[in-house]
Amino acid sequence: MPWPRLWSACLLFFLCAFVGCDSSGNVAMKGKIVKGGQPWTVSDDTYVTLEFIPEPVQVGKTHLAKYERSNGTFKIDLPKGKYRYRLVYFVQPKEVDETRPAMPNTVESKEVIDVDSGKEIVIEVNK
């Protein structure tokens, strides 16, 4: 997929993810992304999206976390409930090669997270 189309698809995804977010009754959650027990920090050319998806899935109700690439932490306000997370990341290549587009890496939660206590969430990146 050529880069302009990839960027358009990503932008559309982000805009759709924000539609329907409700700020009343939210729980302020924080967490960290780690790799090998250490904070997962990434360079400015690495694109990171961390979203929380309610269980059961509700179309248009994903919530995006604010990721701090310098120290591997994130924050998000979520309505109380049960969620799974999806972390998607990829490195923007220095030169665009349409024959080999950057492939995103995905980490998805295996367990459901119960959001009601504000307990810290730790996400492990193995790649």
C-alpha atoms as a PDB file:
ATOM      1  CA  MET A   1       0.000   0.000   0.000  1.00  0.00           C
ATOM      2  CA  PRO A   2       1.573   3.339  -0.985  1.00  0.00           C
ATOM      3  CA  TRP A   3       2.407   5.677   1.888  1.00  0.00           C
ATOM      4  CA  PRO A   4      -0.252   8.300   1.110  1.00  0.00           C
ATOM      5  CA  ARG A   5      -2.943   5.612   1.290  1.00  0.00           C
ATOM      6  CA  LEU A   6      -1.446   4.172   4.485  1.00  0.00           C
ATOM      7  CA  TRP A   7      -1.434   7.616   6.093  1.00  0.00           C
ATOM      8  CA  SER A   8      -5.014   8.228   4.997  1.00  0.00           C
ATOM      9  CA  ALA A   9      -6.092   4.881   6.446  1.00  0.00           C
ATOM     10  CA  CYS A  10      -4.309   5.607   9.745  1.00  0.00           C
ATOM     11  CA  LEU A  11      -5.851   9.075   9.976  1.00  0.00           C
ATOM     12  CA  LEU A  12      -9.314   7.697   9.304  1.00  0.00           C
ATOM     13  CA  PHE A  13      -8.790   5.036  11.976  1.00  0.00           C
ATOM     14  CA  PHE A  14      -7.711   7.627  14.564  1.00  0.00           C
ATOM     15  CA  LEU A  15     -10.650   9.911  13.789  1.00  0.00           C
ATOM     16  CA  CYS A  16     -13.125   7.029  14.035  1.00  0.00           C
ATOM     17  CA  ALA A  17     -11.600   5.933  17.336  1.00  0.00           C
ATOM     18  CA  PHE A  18     -12.388   9.310  18.909  1.00  0.00           C
ATOM     19  CA  VAL A  19     -16.049   9.349  17.896  1.00  0.00           C
ATOM     20  CA  GLY A  20     -18.365   8.459  20.763  1.00  0.00           C
ATOM     21  CA  CYS A  21     -15.879   8.844  23.630  1.00  0.00           C
ATOM     22  CA  ASP A  22     -17.703   9.875  26.792  1.00  0.00           C
ATOM     23  CA  SER A  23     -15.809  11.677  29.571  1.00  0.00           C
ATOM     24  CA  SER A  24     -18.385  11.288  32.383  1.00  0.00           C
ATOM     25  CA  GLY A  25     -17.693   8.679  35.046  1.00  0.00           C
ATOM     26  CA  ASN A  26     -14.231   7.860  33.715  1.00  0.00           C
ATOM     27  CA  VAL A  27     -11.395   6.224  35.630  1.00  0.00           C
ATOM     28  CA  ALA A  28      -7.940   7.773  35.173  1.00  0.00           C
ATOM     29  CA  MET A  29      -5.715   4.860  34.215  1.00  0.00           C
ATOM     30  CA  LYS A  30      -1.977   4.859  33.802  1.00  0.00           C
ATOM     31  CA  GLY A  31       0.500   2.246  32.819  1.00  0.00           C
ATOM     32  CA  LYS A  32       3.777   1.425  31.213  1.00  0.00           C
ATOM     33  CA  ILE A  33       4.990  -0.519  28.237  1.00  0.00           C
ATOM     34  CA  VAL A  34       8.059  -2.628  28.970  1.00  0.00           C
ATOM     35  CA  LYS A  35      10.475  -4.796  27.023  1.00  0.00           C
ATOM     36  CA  GLY A  36      12.645  -7.174  29.008  1.00  0.00           C
ATOM     37  CA  GLY A  37      11.476  -5.521  32.226  1.00  0.00           C
ATOM     38  CA  GLN A  38      12.750  -2.082  31.114  1.00  0.00           C
ATOM     39  CA  PRO A  39      10.661   0.867  29.902  1.00  0.00           C
ATOM     40  CA  TRP A  40       9.974   0.577  26.173  1.00  0.00           C
ATOM     41  CA  THR A  41      11.181   3.847  24.723  1.00  0.00           C
ATOM     42  CA  VAL A  42      11.057   4.535  21.003  1.00  0.00           C
ATOM     43  CA  SER A  43      12.471   7.120  18.612  1.00  0.00           C
ATOM     44  CA  ASP A  44      10.454   9.831  16.897  1.00  0.00           C
ATOM     45  CA  ASP A  45      10.310   7.768  13.695  1.00  0.00           C
ATOM     46  CA  THR A  46       8.371   4.979  15.454  1.00  0.00           C
ATOM     47  CA  TYR A  47       4.597   5.298  15.266  1.00  0.00           C
ATOM     48  CA  VAL A  48       2.713   3.909  18.264  1.00  0.00           C
ATOM     49  CA  THR A  49      -1.020   3.463  18.786  1.00  0.00           C
ATOM     50  CA  LEU A  50      -2.397   2.023  22.026  1.00  0.00           C
ATOM     51  CA  GLU A  51      -6.136   1.510  22.057  1.00  0.00           C
ATOM     52  CA  PHE A  52      -8.505  -0.001  24.592  1.00  0.00           C
ATOM     53  CA  ILE A  53     -11.501  -1.915  23.271  1.00  0.00           C
ATOM     54  CA  PRO A  54     -14.526  -2.560  25.519  1.00  0.00           C
ATOM     55  CA  GLU A  55     -15.732  -6.115  26.162  1.00  0.00           C
ATOM     56  CA  PRO A  56     -18.032  -7.031  24.607  1.00  0.00           C
ATOM     57  CA  VAL A  57     -16.883  -5.128  21.526  1.00  0.00           C
ATOM     58  CA  GLN A  58     -18.897  -1.983  20.777  1.00  0.00           C
ATOM     59  CA  VAL A  59     -18.461  -0.517  17.309  1.00  0.00           C
ATOM     60  CA  GLY A  60     -16.978   2.986  17.439  1.00  0.00           C
ATOM     61  CA  LYS A  61     -16.163   2.800  21.163  1.00  0.00           C
ATOM     62  CA  THR A  62     -12.393   2.303  21.137  1.00  0.00           C
ATOM     63  CA  HIS A  63     -10.336   4.614  23.334  1.00  0.00           C
ATOM     64  CA  LEU A  64      -6.814   5.825  22.540  1.00  0.00           C
ATOM     65  CA  ALA A  65      -4.156   6.198  25.218  1.00  0.00           C
ATOM     66  CA  LYS A  66      -1.611   9.009  25.310  1.00  0.00           C
ATOM     67  CA  TYR A  67       1.798   7.314  25.038  1.00  0.00           C
ATOM     68  CA  GLU A  68       4.965   9.052  26.247  1.00  0.00           C
ATOM     69  CA  ARG A  69       7.733   7.691  24.019  1.00  0.00           C
ATOM     70  CA  SER A  70      10.568   9.074  26.188  1.00  0.00           C
ATOM     71  CA  ASN A  71       9.761   6.943  29.246  1.00  0.00           C
ATOM     72  CA  GLY A  72       7.376   4.212  28.046  1.00  0.00           C
ATOM     73  CA  THR A  73       4.366   5.346  30.079  1.00  0.00           C
ATOM     74  CA  PHE A  74       0.787   6.025  29.027  1.00  0.00           C
ATOM     75  CA  LYS A  75      -2.364   7.618  30.403  1.00  0.00           C
ATOM     76  CA  ILE A  76      -5.995   7.170  29.496  1.00  0.00           C
ATOM     77  CA  ASP A  77      -9.404   8.019  30.971  1.00  0.00           C
ATOM     78  CA  LEU A  78     -11.830   5.126  30.520  1.00  0.00           C
ATOM     79  CA  PRO A  79     -15.418   4.535  31.518  1.00  0.00           C
ATOM     80  CA  LYS A  80     -15.649   1.754  34.096  1.00  0.00           C
ATOM     81  CA  GLY A  81     -15.904  -1.649  32.505  1.00  0.00           C
ATOM     82  CA  LYS A  82     -13.915  -4.468  30.958  1.00  0.00           C
ATOM     83  CA  TYR A  83     -11.388  -3.893  28.170  1.00  0.00           C
ATOM     84  CA  ARG A  84      -8.748  -5.472  26.010  1.00  0.00           C
ATOM     85  CA  TYR A  85      -5.870  -3.477  24.605  1.00  0.00           C
ATOM     86  CA  ARG A  86      -4.178  -3.429  21.220  1.00  0.00           C
ATOM     87  CA  LEU A  87      -0.717  -1.919  20.732  1.00  0.00           C
ATOM     88  CA  VAL A  88       0.302  -1.290  17.114  1.00  0.00           C
ATOM     89  CA  TYR A  89       3.705   0.106  16.203  1.00  0.00           C
ATOM     90  CA  PHE A  90       6.060   0.425  13.259  1.00  0.00           C
ATOM     91  CA  VAL A  91       9.174   2.346  12.299  1.00  0.00           C
ATOM     92  CA  GLN A  92       8.863   4.876   9.504  1.00  0.00           C
ATOM     93  CA  PRO A  93      11.549   3.954   6.963  1.00  0.00           C
ATOM     94  CA  LYS A  94      14.063   6.635   5.994  1.00  0.00           C
ATOM     95  CA  GLU A  95      13.239   6.072   2.327  1.00  0.00           C
ATOM     96  CA  VAL A  96       9.858   5.029   0.992  1.00  0.00           C
ATOM     97  CA  ASP A  97       9.907   1.707  -0.861  1.00  0.00           C
ATOM     98  CA  GLU A  98       6.420   0.963  -2.177  1.00  0.00           C
ATOM     99  CA  THR A  99       7.465  -2.613  -2.980  1.00  0.00           C
ATOM    100  CA  ARG A 100       8.201  -3.237   0.720  1.00  0.00           C
ATOM    101  CA  PRO A 101       5.935  -1.111   2.920  1.00  0.00           C
ATOM    102  CA  ALA A 102       6.561  -1.002   6.662  1.00  0.00           C
ATOM    103  CA  MET A 103       4.608  -3.752   8.361  1.00  0.00           C
ATOM    104  CA  PRO A 104       3.134  -2.897  11.745  1.00  0.00           C
ATOM    105  CA  ASN A 105       3.730  -5.032  14.816  1.00  0.00           C
ATOM    106  CA  THR A 106       0.729  -5.789  17.004  1.00  0.00           C
ATOM    107  CA  VAL A 107       0.485  -6.777  20.668  1.00  0.00           C
ATOM    108  CA  GLU A 108      -3.004  -7.696  21.885  1.00  0.00           C
ATOM    109  CA  SER A 109      -4.095  -8.496  25.424  1.00  0.00           C
ATOM    110  CA  LYS A 110      -4.884 -12.112  26.135  1.00  0.00           C
ATOM    111  CA  GLU A 111      -6.782 -11.215  29.287  1.00  0.00           C
ATOM    112  CA  VAL A 112      -9.618  -8.815  29.927  1.00  0.00           C
ATOM    113  CA  ILE A 113      -8.722  -5.815  32.090  1.00  0.00           C
ATOM    114  CA  ASP A 114     -11.299  -4.661  34.635  1.00  0.00           C
ATOM    115  CA  VAL A 115     -11.242  -0.860  34.786  1.00  0.00           C
ATOM    116  CA  ASP A 116     -12.618   0.348  38.077  1.00  0.00           C
ATOM    117  CA  SER A 117      -9.713   0.803  40.444  1.00  0.00           C
ATOM    118  CA  GLY A 118      -7.176   2.901  38.549  1.00  0.00           C
ATOM    119  CA  LYS A 119      -4.620   0.087  38.968  1.00  0.00           C
ATOM    120  CA  GLU A 120      -1.491   0.469  36.808  1.00  0.00           C
ATOM    121  CA  ILE A 121      -1.471  -1.545  33.583  1.00  0.00           C
ATOM    122  CA  VAL A 122       1.775  -3.142  32.383  1.00  0.00           C
ATOM    123  CA  ILE A 123       2.082  -4.176  28.735  1.00  0.00           C
ATOM    124  CA  GLU A 124       5.006  -6.398  27.665  1.00  0.00           C
ATOM    125  CA  VAL A 125       6.512  -5.982  24.185  1.00  0.00           C
ATOM    126  CA  ASN A 126       8.521  -9.021  23.119  1.00  0.00           C
ATOM    127  CA  LYS A 127       9.598  -7.957  19.619  1.00  0.00           C
END
